[in-house]
């Protein structure tokens, strides 16, 4: 099998309305940049797939998509539930890879809360390219301590 030759790196320009966010510490910062927006009552998280996000055949690596989903689900829930930003360790994350994601693609995800208890958060979401689903995710997260930063309820300034 011959690997796909490297393409020119795409620009990292997000669609209008998205802004870069800092989330997940140094690990996610090294993988990003990630972008978010608030649109019609929904938190959207996106990424422009670059060569460094790809596997040897030029598609976004499943681990990168898993990381995107792992950030998307709890942050979408925090926005939807209007709770303070908090650390939400992943208890369980299930993913279904529905289609390959080519380099240069803009991928964006949205999510919905299924249930929230005092200790646990249950969320599901979909990541799409141009409205076509490429990843389905569901997860269980543990509610951690609230962020004590300057704007915990509006950590990304999206509303």
N, C-alpha and C. Protein backbone atom coordinates (compact mmCIF):
# COMPACT_ATOMS: atom_id res chain seq x y z
N UNK A 1 0.83 -1.17 0.00
CA UNK A 1 0.00 0.00 0.00
C UNK A 1 0.88 1.23 0.00
N UNK A 2 0.65 2.12 -0.95
CA UNK A 2 1.44 3.35 -1.04
C UNK A 2 0.76 4.45 -0.25
N UNK A 3 1.52 5.14 0.60
CA UNK A 3 0.91 6.24 1.34
C UNK A 3 0.55 7.39 0.41
N UNK A 4 -0.45 8.15 0.82
CA UNK A 4 -0.86 9.32 0.06
C UNK A 4 0.24 10.37 0.19
N UNK A 5 0.67 10.99 -0.92
CA UNK A 5 1.70 12.00 -0.81
C UNK A 5 1.21 13.18 0.01
N UNK A 6 2.11 13.81 0.76
CA UNK A 6 1.68 14.94 1.59
C UNK A 6 1.17 16.08 0.73
N UNK A 7 0.08 16.66 1.16
CA UNK A 7 -0.49 17.81 0.47
C UNK A 7 0.03 19.08 1.12
N UNK A 8 -0.18 20.19 0.44
CA UNK A 8 0.19 21.46 1.04
C UNK A 8 -0.66 21.68 2.28
N UNK A 9 -0.08 22.22 3.35
CA UNK A 9 -0.87 22.41 4.56
C UNK A 9 -2.00 23.40 4.32
N UNK A 10 -3.21 23.04 4.78
CA UNK A 10 -4.33 23.96 4.61
C UNK A 10 -4.22 25.13 5.56
N UNK A 11 -4.91 26.19 5.25
CA UNK A 11 -4.94 27.29 6.20
C UNK A 11 -5.76 26.84 7.39
N UNK A 12 -5.50 27.45 8.51
CA UNK A 12 -6.20 27.07 9.73
C UNK A 12 -7.35 28.03 10.01
N UNK A 13 -7.88 28.64 8.97
CA UNK A 13 -8.94 29.62 9.15
C UNK A 13 -10.26 28.93 9.44
N UNK A 14 -10.90 29.25 10.58
CA UNK A 14 -12.20 28.67 10.86
C UNK A 14 -13.30 29.42 10.13
N UNK A 15 -14.48 28.85 10.04
CA UNK A 15 -15.62 29.58 9.46
C UNK A 15 -15.96 30.80 10.31
N UNK A 16 -16.70 31.76 9.75
CA UNK A 16 -17.08 32.95 10.52
C UNK A 16 -17.82 32.59 11.81
N UNK A 17 -17.53 33.36 12.84
CA UNK A 17 -18.20 33.18 14.12
C UNK A 17 -17.46 32.30 15.10
N UNK A 18 -16.48 31.54 14.64
CA UNK A 18 -15.70 30.69 15.53
C UNK A 18 -14.54 31.49 16.10
N UNK A 19 -14.19 31.20 17.35
CA UNK A 19 -13.02 31.83 17.95
C UNK A 19 -12.14 30.76 18.60
N UNK A 20 -10.83 30.98 18.60
CA UNK A 20 -9.94 30.00 19.22
C UNK A 20 -10.20 29.92 20.72
N UNK A 21 -10.09 28.72 21.27
CA UNK A 21 -10.30 28.54 22.70
C UNK A 21 -9.12 27.79 23.31
N UNK A 22 -8.92 27.98 24.58
CA UNK A 22 -7.90 27.26 25.33
C UNK A 22 -8.66 26.30 26.25
N UNK A 23 -8.44 25.02 26.04
CA UNK A 23 -9.17 23.99 26.78
C UNK A 23 -8.30 22.75 26.90
N UNK A 24 -8.38 22.07 28.02
CA UNK A 24 -7.76 20.76 28.15
C UNK A 24 -6.28 20.74 28.46
N UNK A 25 -5.67 21.86 28.78
CA UNK A 25 -4.26 21.86 29.16
C UNK A 25 -3.32 21.75 27.98
N UNK A 26 -2.06 21.44 28.29
CA UNK A 26 -1.00 21.42 27.28
C UNK A 26 -1.19 20.35 26.23
N UNK A 27 -1.75 19.20 26.61
CA UNK A 27 -1.95 18.12 25.64
C UNK A 27 -2.85 18.57 24.50
N UNK A 28 -4.02 19.12 24.82
CA UNK A 28 -4.96 19.54 23.79
C UNK A 28 -4.41 20.76 23.05
N UNK A 29 -3.71 21.65 23.75
CA UNK A 29 -3.12 22.82 23.10
C UNK A 29 -2.14 22.39 22.01
N UNK A 30 -1.38 21.33 22.27
CA UNK A 30 -0.42 20.84 21.28
C UNK A 30 -1.12 20.22 20.07
N UNK A 31 -2.31 19.71 20.27
CA UNK A 31 -3.05 19.07 19.17
C UNK A 31 -3.87 20.06 18.36
N UNK A 32 -4.31 21.14 18.99
CA UNK A 32 -5.24 22.10 18.38
C UNK A 32 -4.64 22.84 17.21
N UNK A 33 -5.10 24.01 16.97
CA UNK A 33 -6.04 24.75 17.79
C UNK A 33 -7.48 24.30 17.59
N UNK A 34 -8.25 24.42 18.67
CA UNK A 34 -9.68 24.16 18.62
C UNK A 34 -10.41 25.50 18.60
N UNK A 35 -11.58 25.50 17.98
CA UNK A 35 -12.38 26.72 17.86
C UNK A 35 -13.79 26.43 18.34
N UNK A 36 -14.45 27.44 18.90
CA UNK A 36 -15.81 27.25 19.38
C UNK A 36 -16.68 28.42 18.98
N UNK A 37 -17.98 28.17 19.00
CA UNK A 37 -18.97 29.23 18.81
C UNK A 37 -20.26 28.83 19.48
N UNK A 38 -21.08 29.81 19.76
CA UNK A 38 -22.41 29.62 20.32
C UNK A 38 -23.38 30.01 19.22
N UNK A 39 -24.20 29.08 18.77
CA UNK A 39 -25.09 29.35 17.65
C UNK A 39 -26.47 28.77 17.95
N UNK A 40 -27.46 29.65 18.01
CA UNK A 40 -28.85 29.23 18.21
C UNK A 40 -29.00 28.27 19.39
N UNK A 41 -28.38 28.62 20.51
CA UNK A 41 -28.50 27.82 21.72
C UNK A 41 -27.66 26.58 21.76
N UNK A 42 -26.69 26.45 20.87
CA UNK A 42 -25.85 25.26 20.85
C UNK A 42 -24.37 25.65 20.89
N UNK A 43 -23.60 24.91 21.67
CA UNK A 43 -22.14 25.04 21.71
C UNK A 43 -21.59 24.18 20.58
N UNK A 44 -20.79 24.77 19.71
CA UNK A 44 -20.16 24.03 18.61
C UNK A 44 -18.65 24.08 18.79
N UNK A 45 -17.99 22.96 18.58
CA UNK A 45 -16.54 22.87 18.70
C UNK A 45 -15.99 22.37 17.37
N UNK A 46 -14.97 23.05 16.85
CA UNK A 46 -14.45 22.70 15.54
C UNK A 46 -12.94 22.65 15.46
N UNK A 47 -12.48 22.07 14.36
CA UNK A 47 -11.06 21.89 14.10
C UNK A 47 -10.84 21.85 12.60
N UNK A 48 -9.82 22.54 12.11
CA UNK A 48 -9.40 22.41 10.72
C UNK A 48 -8.33 21.32 10.71
N UNK A 49 -8.56 20.23 9.98
CA UNK A 49 -7.64 19.09 9.97
C UNK A 49 -6.37 19.45 9.20
N UNK A 50 -5.26 19.38 9.90
CA UNK A 50 -3.95 19.67 9.32
C UNK A 50 -3.17 18.37 9.17
N UNK A 51 -2.06 18.42 8.46
CA UNK A 51 -1.25 17.22 8.22
C UNK A 51 -0.84 16.56 9.53
N UNK A 52 -0.57 17.35 10.56
CA UNK A 52 -0.14 16.78 11.84
C UNK A 52 -1.25 16.03 12.56
N UNK A 53 -2.50 16.20 12.12
CA UNK A 53 -3.63 15.49 12.70
C UNK A 53 -3.92 14.18 11.97
N UNK A 54 -3.18 13.90 10.89
CA UNK A 54 -3.53 12.79 9.99
C UNK A 54 -2.72 11.53 10.21
N UNK A 55 -3.33 10.42 9.80
CA UNK A 55 -2.64 9.13 9.79
C UNK A 55 -1.84 9.01 8.48
N UNK A 56 -1.12 7.91 8.28
CA UNK A 56 -0.28 7.80 7.08
C UNK A 56 -1.01 7.85 5.74
N UNK A 57 -2.33 7.64 5.71
CA UNK A 57 -3.03 7.72 4.42
C UNK A 57 -3.74 9.06 4.22
N UNK A 58 -3.45 10.02 5.09
CA UNK A 58 -3.96 11.37 4.88
C UNK A 58 -5.34 11.67 5.43
N UNK A 59 -5.85 10.80 6.31
CA UNK A 59 -7.13 11.06 6.96
C UNK A 59 -6.87 11.43 8.42
N UNK A 60 -7.79 12.21 8.99
CA UNK A 60 -7.65 12.60 10.38
C UNK A 60 -7.56 11.33 11.24
N UNK A 61 -6.57 11.31 12.11
CA UNK A 61 -6.35 10.15 12.98
C UNK A 61 -7.53 9.98 13.94
N UNK A 62 -7.93 8.75 14.16
CA UNK A 62 -9.03 8.47 15.07
C UNK A 62 -8.78 9.01 16.47
N UNK A 63 -7.53 9.02 16.90
CA UNK A 63 -7.20 9.56 18.22
C UNK A 63 -7.44 11.05 18.30
N UNK A 64 -7.23 11.76 17.20
CA UNK A 64 -7.52 13.20 17.18
C UNK A 64 -9.01 13.43 17.27
N UNK A 65 -9.80 12.64 16.54
CA UNK A 65 -11.25 12.77 16.61
C UNK A 65 -11.77 12.40 18.00
N UNK A 66 -11.14 11.40 18.63
CA UNK A 66 -11.53 11.02 19.99
C UNK A 66 -11.25 12.17 20.96
N UNK A 67 -10.12 12.84 20.80
CA UNK A 67 -9.80 13.98 21.65
C UNK A 67 -10.79 15.11 21.45
N UNK A 68 -11.15 15.37 20.19
CA UNK A 68 -12.15 16.40 19.91
C UNK A 68 -13.47 16.06 20.61
N UNK A 69 -13.91 14.82 20.51
CA UNK A 69 -15.16 14.40 21.16
C UNK A 69 -15.06 14.50 22.68
N UNK A 70 -13.90 14.17 23.22
CA UNK A 70 -13.69 14.20 24.67
C UNK A 70 -13.75 15.63 25.21
N UNK A 71 -13.46 16.61 24.39
CA UNK A 71 -13.58 18.02 24.78
C UNK A 71 -14.99 18.53 24.48
N UNK A 72 -15.54 18.12 23.36
CA UNK A 72 -16.86 18.58 22.93
C UNK A 72 -17.96 18.24 23.94
N UNK A 73 -18.05 16.99 24.33
CA UNK A 73 -19.19 16.53 25.12
C UNK A 73 -19.36 17.28 26.44
N UNK A 74 -18.34 17.35 27.30
CA UNK A 74 -18.56 18.04 28.57
C UNK A 74 -18.72 19.55 28.43
N UNK A 75 -18.02 20.18 27.49
CA UNK A 75 -18.16 21.64 27.35
C UNK A 75 -19.52 22.00 26.77
N UNK A 76 -20.02 21.22 25.84
CA UNK A 76 -21.37 21.47 25.34
C UNK A 76 -22.37 21.35 26.48
N UNK A 77 -22.17 20.37 27.36
CA UNK A 77 -23.07 20.19 28.50
C UNK A 77 -23.01 21.38 29.45
N UNK A 78 -21.82 21.88 29.72
CA UNK A 78 -21.69 23.03 30.62
C UNK A 78 -22.44 24.24 30.07
N UNK A 79 -22.33 24.44 28.77
CA UNK A 79 -23.05 25.56 28.16
C UNK A 79 -24.56 25.30 28.17
N UNK A 80 -24.96 24.09 27.83
CA UNK A 80 -26.39 23.77 27.77
C UNK A 80 -27.02 23.88 29.16
N UNK A 81 -26.33 23.39 30.18
CA UNK A 81 -26.87 23.40 31.54
C UNK A 81 -26.63 24.72 32.28
N UNK A 82 -25.82 25.59 31.67
CA UNK A 82 -25.46 26.87 32.27
C UNK A 82 -24.87 26.70 33.67
N UNK A 83 -23.90 25.80 33.76
CA UNK A 83 -23.19 25.58 35.02
C UNK A 83 -21.77 26.12 34.89
N UNK A 84 -21.14 26.35 36.03
CA UNK A 84 -19.77 26.83 36.03
C UNK A 84 -18.86 25.80 35.36
N UNK A 85 -17.83 26.32 34.70
CA UNK A 85 -16.82 25.47 34.09
C UNK A 85 -16.18 24.62 35.19
N UNK A 86 -16.00 23.35 34.90
CA UNK A 86 -15.38 22.46 35.87
C UNK A 86 -14.57 21.38 35.19
N UNK A 87 -13.70 20.78 35.95
CA UNK A 87 -12.93 19.65 35.47
C UNK A 87 -13.88 18.45 35.42
N UNK A 88 -13.90 17.75 34.29
CA UNK A 88 -14.83 16.64 34.11
C UNK A 88 -14.07 15.41 33.61
N UNK A 89 -13.46 14.65 34.51
CA UNK A 89 -12.75 13.45 34.07
C UNK A 89 -13.67 12.50 33.33
N UNK A 90 -13.14 11.89 32.29
CA UNK A 90 -13.90 10.95 31.47
C UNK A 90 -14.02 9.61 32.18
N UNK A 91 -15.24 9.14 32.37
CA UNK A 91 -15.49 7.82 32.94
C UNK A 91 -15.59 6.80 31.81
N UNK A 92 -16.28 7.17 30.74
CA UNK A 92 -16.48 6.27 29.60
C UNK A 92 -16.69 7.12 28.36
N UNK A 93 -16.09 6.69 27.25
CA UNK A 93 -16.25 7.39 25.98
C UNK A 93 -16.42 6.35 24.88
N UNK A 94 -17.55 6.40 24.19
CA UNK A 94 -17.82 5.47 23.09
C UNK A 94 -17.86 6.26 21.79
N UNK A 95 -17.21 5.72 20.78
CA UNK A 95 -17.13 6.40 19.49
C UNK A 95 -17.48 5.46 18.36
N UNK A 96 -18.18 6.00 17.38
CA UNK A 96 -18.44 5.29 16.14
C UNK A 96 -17.90 6.17 15.02
N UNK A 97 -16.89 5.66 14.32
CA UNK A 97 -16.30 6.38 13.20
C UNK A 97 -17.14 6.06 11.97
N UNK A 98 -17.81 7.07 11.42
CA UNK A 98 -18.78 6.86 10.35
C UNK A 98 -18.23 7.07 8.95
N UNK A 99 -17.20 7.92 8.83
CA UNK A 99 -16.62 8.22 7.52
C UNK A 99 -15.23 8.80 7.72
N UNK A 100 -14.35 8.63 6.73
CA UNK A 100 -13.01 9.23 6.85
C UNK A 100 -13.10 10.76 6.78
N UNK A 101 -12.14 11.39 7.43
CA UNK A 101 -12.07 12.85 7.48
C UNK A 101 -10.77 13.28 6.79
N UNK A 102 -10.86 13.88 5.61
CA UNK A 102 -9.65 14.24 4.87
C UNK A 102 -8.93 15.46 5.44
N UNK A 103 -7.65 15.53 5.16
CA UNK A 103 -6.87 16.70 5.55
C UNK A 103 -7.48 17.93 4.88
N UNK A 104 -7.53 19.01 5.63
CA UNK A 104 -8.08 20.26 5.14
C UNK A 104 -9.54 20.46 5.48
N UNK A 105 -10.21 19.38 5.89
CA UNK A 105 -11.64 19.47 6.21
C UNK A 105 -11.86 20.28 7.48
N UNK A 106 -12.98 21.00 7.51
CA UNK A 106 -13.44 21.63 8.74
C UNK A 106 -14.41 20.66 9.40
N UNK A 107 -14.09 20.19 10.59
CA UNK A 107 -14.99 19.31 11.33
C UNK A 107 -15.54 20.09 12.50
N UNK A 108 -16.85 19.92 12.74
CA UNK A 108 -17.46 20.59 13.88
C UNK A 108 -18.45 19.66 14.53
N UNK A 109 -18.52 19.77 15.85
CA UNK A 109 -19.40 18.90 16.60
C UNK A 109 -20.36 19.66 17.49
N UNK A 110 -21.47 19.02 17.74
CA UNK A 110 -22.45 19.53 18.69
C UNK A 110 -22.87 18.36 19.57
N UNK A 111 -23.46 18.67 20.72
CA UNK A 111 -23.81 17.61 21.65
C UNK A 111 -25.03 18.00 22.46
N UNK A 112 -25.62 16.99 23.09
CA UNK A 112 -26.77 17.23 23.96
C UNK A 112 -26.64 16.40 25.23
N UNK A 113 -27.12 16.98 26.31
CA UNK A 113 -27.11 16.28 27.59
C UNK A 113 -28.25 15.27 27.62
N UNK A 114 -27.93 14.05 28.00
CA UNK A 114 -28.95 13.03 28.18
C UNK A 114 -29.44 13.03 29.62
N UNK A 115 -28.49 13.21 30.56
CA UNK A 115 -28.83 13.22 31.97
C UNK A 115 -27.66 13.81 32.75
N UNK A 116 -27.98 14.52 33.80
CA UNK A 116 -26.96 15.05 34.69
C UNK A 116 -27.41 14.78 36.12
N UNK A 117 -26.53 14.15 36.89
CA UNK A 117 -26.80 13.92 38.31
C UNK A 117 -25.83 14.77 39.11
N UNK A 118 -25.87 14.61 40.41
CA UNK A 118 -24.95 15.39 41.26
C UNK A 118 -23.49 15.04 40.96
N UNK A 119 -23.23 13.80 40.57
CA UNK A 119 -21.85 13.35 40.37
C UNK A 119 -21.48 13.02 38.92
N UNK A 120 -22.48 12.67 38.10
CA UNK A 120 -22.17 12.20 36.75
C UNK A 120 -22.94 12.97 35.69
N UNK A 121 -22.34 12.99 34.50
CA UNK A 121 -22.90 13.69 33.35
C UNK A 121 -22.92 12.70 32.18
N UNK A 122 -24.06 12.58 31.52
CA UNK A 122 -24.23 11.67 30.37
C UNK A 122 -24.55 12.53 29.15
N UNK A 123 -23.72 12.43 28.11
CA UNK A 123 -23.83 13.31 26.95
C UNK A 123 -23.63 12.51 25.66
N UNK A 124 -24.30 12.95 24.58
CA UNK A 124 -24.06 12.36 23.27
C UNK A 124 -23.87 13.48 22.26
N UNK A 125 -23.12 13.18 21.21
CA UNK A 125 -22.88 14.21 20.20
C UNK A 125 -22.52 13.62 18.85
N UNK A 126 -22.47 14.52 17.87
CA UNK A 126 -22.12 14.15 16.51
C UNK A 126 -21.12 15.17 15.97
N UNK A 127 -20.11 14.68 15.28
CA UNK A 127 -19.13 15.53 14.60
C UNK A 127 -19.39 15.39 13.11
N UNK A 128 -19.43 16.54 12.40
CA UNK A 128 -19.81 16.55 10.98
C UNK A 128 -18.81 17.31 10.13
N UNK A 129 -18.86 17.03 8.84
CA UNK A 129 -18.21 17.84 7.80
C UNK A 129 -19.33 18.28 6.88
N UNK A 130 -19.52 19.58 6.73
CA UNK A 130 -20.57 20.12 5.86
C UNK A 130 -21.93 19.45 6.11
N UNK A 131 -22.27 19.22 7.36
CA UNK A 131 -23.55 18.65 7.71
C UNK A 131 -23.63 17.13 7.64
N UNK A 132 -22.60 16.47 7.13
CA UNK A 132 -22.58 15.00 7.04
C UNK A 132 -21.84 14.43 8.25
N UNK A 133 -22.48 13.54 8.98
CA UNK A 133 -21.88 12.96 10.19
C UNK A 133 -20.67 12.10 9.84
N UNK A 134 -19.58 12.30 10.59
CA UNK A 134 -18.37 11.49 10.43
C UNK A 134 -18.00 10.76 11.72
N UNK A 135 -18.58 11.19 12.85
CA UNK A 135 -18.29 10.58 14.14
C UNK A 135 -19.51 10.73 15.04
N UNK A 136 -19.87 9.64 15.70
CA UNK A 136 -20.91 9.70 16.73
C UNK A 136 -20.22 9.37 18.04
N UNK A 137 -20.55 10.13 19.09
CA UNK A 137 -19.89 9.94 20.38
C UNK A 137 -20.91 9.99 21.51
N UNK A 138 -20.63 9.21 22.53
CA UNK A 138 -21.39 9.33 23.77
C UNK A 138 -20.42 9.11 24.91
N UNK A 139 -20.68 9.79 26.01
CA UNK A 139 -19.75 9.69 27.11
C UNK A 139 -20.40 9.91 28.46
N UNK A 140 -19.69 9.42 29.46
CA UNK A 140 -20.04 9.65 30.86
C UNK A 140 -18.85 10.36 31.48
N UNK A 141 -19.13 11.44 32.18
CA UNK A 141 -18.09 12.25 32.80
C UNK A 141 -18.42 12.47 34.26
N UNK A 142 -17.38 12.62 35.07
CA UNK A 142 -17.57 12.90 36.49
C UNK A 142 -17.54 14.41 36.69
N UNK A 143 -18.53 14.94 37.37
CA UNK A 143 -18.51 16.36 37.70
C UNK A 143 -17.42 16.61 38.73
N UNK A 144 -16.47 17.47 38.39
CA UNK A 144 -15.40 17.82 39.31
C UNK A 144 -15.65 19.17 39.96
N UNK A 145 -14.60 19.70 40.54
CA UNK A 145 -14.68 21.00 41.20
C UNK A 145 -14.89 22.12 40.18
N UNK A 146 -15.65 23.13 40.58
CA UNK A 146 -15.90 24.28 39.72
C UNK A 146 -14.62 25.09 39.53
N UNK A 147 -14.47 25.67 38.36
CA UNK A 147 -13.35 26.56 38.03
C UNK A 147 -13.52 27.85 38.83
N UNK A 148 -12.43 28.34 39.37
CA UNK A 148 -12.50 29.58 40.13
C UNK A 148 -11.94 30.76 39.34
N UNK A 149 -11.81 30.59 38.01
CA UNK A 149 -11.29 31.66 37.16
C UNK A 149 -12.22 32.86 37.10
N UNK A 150 -11.84 33.89 36.34
CA UNK A 150 -12.61 35.13 36.31
C UNK A 150 -14.01 34.99 35.69
N UNK A 151 -14.19 34.08 34.76
CA UNK A 151 -15.51 33.93 34.10
C UNK A 151 -15.87 32.46 33.98
N UNK A 152 -16.10 31.76 35.09
CA UNK A 152 -16.31 30.31 34.99
C UNK A 152 -17.55 29.92 34.21
N UNK A 153 -18.62 30.70 34.28
CA UNK A 153 -19.85 30.33 33.60
C UNK A 153 -19.77 30.65 32.11
N UNK A 154 -18.91 31.53 31.73
CA UNK A 154 -18.74 31.92 30.32
C UNK A 154 -17.25 31.86 29.98
N UNK A 155 -16.68 30.64 30.02
CA UNK A 155 -15.23 30.52 29.89
C UNK A 155 -14.66 30.92 28.54
N UNK A 156 -15.45 30.86 27.49
CA UNK A 156 -14.93 31.15 26.16
C UNK A 156 -15.48 32.44 25.57
N UNK A 157 -16.33 33.15 26.30
CA UNK A 157 -16.90 34.41 25.81
C UNK A 157 -17.71 34.25 24.54
N UNK A 158 -18.50 33.21 24.46
CA UNK A 158 -19.25 32.91 23.23
C UNK A 158 -20.65 33.48 23.18
N UNK A 159 -21.25 33.72 24.32
CA UNK A 159 -22.64 34.21 24.35
C UNK A 159 -22.70 35.70 24.21
